[in-house]
Amino acid sequence: MGSKKESGKQTSYAQKLAAVQEVLEKKRHIQEVAEELSIHPNSLTNWLRKYREKGPEGLQPYRHQSSTYTSQTAELERLKAIEKKYNDQIEEIEILKKFQAFLKENE
């Protein structure tokens, strides 16, 4: 059997992507690729699943995915607040127009 992966050693995004491409594009067996890279076959299986679900982005480090998700969520919240303020101002303008028309009628 192949050598064991060093404990605590991180696999880079590029290494994960290359391993996934070996299996998907070159039709190599998971066990064979895992042994060459000194990783557990389950790790490669997980990378394949993430790649199939999210594409290459799924192989990015978790902190990168999280920061992307967080920034998108923050931007969405910011846009919702802007939209609410805009709608409130449109409503105010309509009320002021009606009040102005009311004042002109009562002159």
Protein backbone atom coordinates (compact mmCIF):
# COMPACT_ATOMS: atom_id res chain seq x y z
CA MET A 1 0.00 0.00 0.00
CA GLY A 2 1.10 3.64 -0.53
CA SER A 3 2.75 5.92 1.95
CA LYS A 4 0.62 7.74 4.50
CA LYS A 5 0.01 11.46 4.33
CA GLU A 6 1.91 13.57 6.83
CA SER A 7 -0.35 14.56 9.71
CA GLY A 8 -1.46 18.21 9.58
CA LYS A 9 -0.07 18.78 6.08
CA GLN A 10 -2.36 21.00 3.99
CA THR A 11 -3.05 20.30 0.34
CA SER A 12 -3.13 23.41 -1.83
CA TYR A 13 -6.00 24.38 -4.08
CA ALA A 14 -3.84 23.69 -7.15
CA GLN A 15 -2.96 20.20 -5.88
CA LYS A 16 -6.61 19.40 -5.20
CA LEU A 17 -7.67 20.65 -8.62
CA ALA A 18 -4.92 18.64 -10.34
CA ALA A 19 -5.94 15.48 -8.46
CA VAL A 20 -9.62 15.95 -9.36
CA GLN A 21 -8.70 16.52 -13.02
CA GLU A 22 -6.58 13.35 -13.05
CA VAL A 23 -9.65 11.35 -12.00
CA LEU A 24 -12.28 13.15 -14.09
CA GLU A 25 -10.41 14.00 -17.28
CA LYS A 26 -7.79 11.26 -17.46
CA LYS A 27 -10.14 8.61 -16.04
CA ARG A 28 -7.60 7.45 -13.46
CA HIS A 29 -8.65 5.44 -10.41
CA ILE A 30 -9.07 7.34 -7.14
CA GLN A 31 -6.86 4.92 -5.21
CA GLU A 32 -4.02 5.28 -7.71
CA VAL A 33 -4.06 9.10 -7.68
CA ALA A 34 -4.39 9.19 -3.89
CA GLU A 35 -1.35 6.94 -3.45
CA GLU A 36 0.75 9.10 -5.79
CA LEU A 37 -0.15 12.21 -3.81
CA SER A 38 0.19 10.50 -0.42
CA ILE A 39 -3.37 11.38 0.54
CA HIS A 40 -6.23 9.27 1.81
CA PRO A 41 -8.65 8.16 -0.94
CA ASN A 42 -11.53 9.58 1.12
CA SER A 43 -9.99 13.04 0.83
CA LEU A 44 -9.93 12.77 -2.93
CA THR A 45 -13.49 11.44 -2.93
CA ASN A 46 -14.56 14.50 -0.89
CA TRP A 47 -12.78 16.86 -3.31
CA LEU A 48 -14.54 15.19 -6.23
CA ARG A 49 -17.91 15.63 -4.54
CA LYS A 50 -17.21 19.31 -3.79
CA TYR A 51 -15.99 19.86 -7.35
CA ARG A 52 -19.14 18.29 -8.79
CA GLU A 53 -21.36 20.38 -6.50
CA LYS A 54 -19.65 23.78 -6.74
CA GLY A 55 -17.06 23.51 -9.49
CA PRO A 56 -13.48 24.68 -8.89
CA GLU A 57 -14.71 27.12 -6.20
CA GLY A 58 -15.64 24.11 -4.07
CA LEU A 59 -11.96 23.24 -3.73
CA GLN A 60 -10.97 26.65 -2.35
CA PRO A 61 -9.99 26.76 1.32
CA TYR A 62 -13.04 27.07 3.57
CA ARG A 63 -12.03 30.50 4.82
CA HIS A 64 -12.08 31.76 1.22
CA GLN A 65 -15.56 30.36 0.60
CA SER A 66 -16.76 31.78 3.87
CA SER A 67 -15.39 35.26 3.19
CA THR A 68 -16.94 35.22 -0.29
CA TYR A 69 -20.28 34.15 1.17
CA THR A 70 -20.02 36.74 3.95
CA SER A 71 -19.17 39.57 1.55
CA GLN A 72 -22.03 38.59 -0.78
CA THR A 73 -24.45 38.45 2.15
CA ALA A 74 -23.26 41.83 3.42
CA GLU A 75 -23.65 43.35 -0.05
CA LEU A 76 -27.15 41.91 -0.36
CA GLU A 77 -28.14 43.37 3.01
CA ARG A 78 -26.68 46.75 2.00
CA LEU A 79 -28.68 46.72 -1.24
CA LYS A 80 -31.87 45.79 0.61
CA ALA A 81 -31.36 48.74 2.99
CA ILE A 82 -30.80 51.09 0.05
CA GLU A 83 -33.93 49.80 -1.67
CA LYS A 84 -36.01 50.29 1.48
CA LYS A 85 -34.72 53.84 1.90
CA TYR A 86 -35.48 54.57 -1.76
CA ASN A 87 -39.04 53.23 -1.47
CA ASP A 88 -39.60 55.25 1.72
CA GLN A 89 -38.44 58.42 -0.06
CA ILE A 90 -40.73 57.75 -3.04
CA GLU A 91 -43.63 57.36 -0.60
CA GLU A 92 -42.69 60.62 1.14
CA ILE A 93 -42.57 62.46 -2.19
CA GLU A 94 -46.05 61.19 -3.08
CA ILE A 95 -47.42 62.34 0.29
CA LEU A 96 -45.82 65.77 -0.15
CA LYS A 97 -47.30 66.10 -3.65
CA LYS A 98 -50.76 65.30 -2.29
CA PHE A 99 -50.29 67.78 0.57
CA GLN A 100 -49.14 70.48 -1.89
CA ALA A 101 -52.23 69.85 -4.07
CA PHE A 102 -54.42 70.02 -0.95
CA LEU A 103 -52.92 73.39 0.01
CA LYS A 104 -53.49 74.80 -3.49
CA GLU A 105 -57.14 73.73 -3.37
CA ASN A 106 -57.69 75.50 -0.06
CA GLU A 107 -56.12 78.85 -0.97
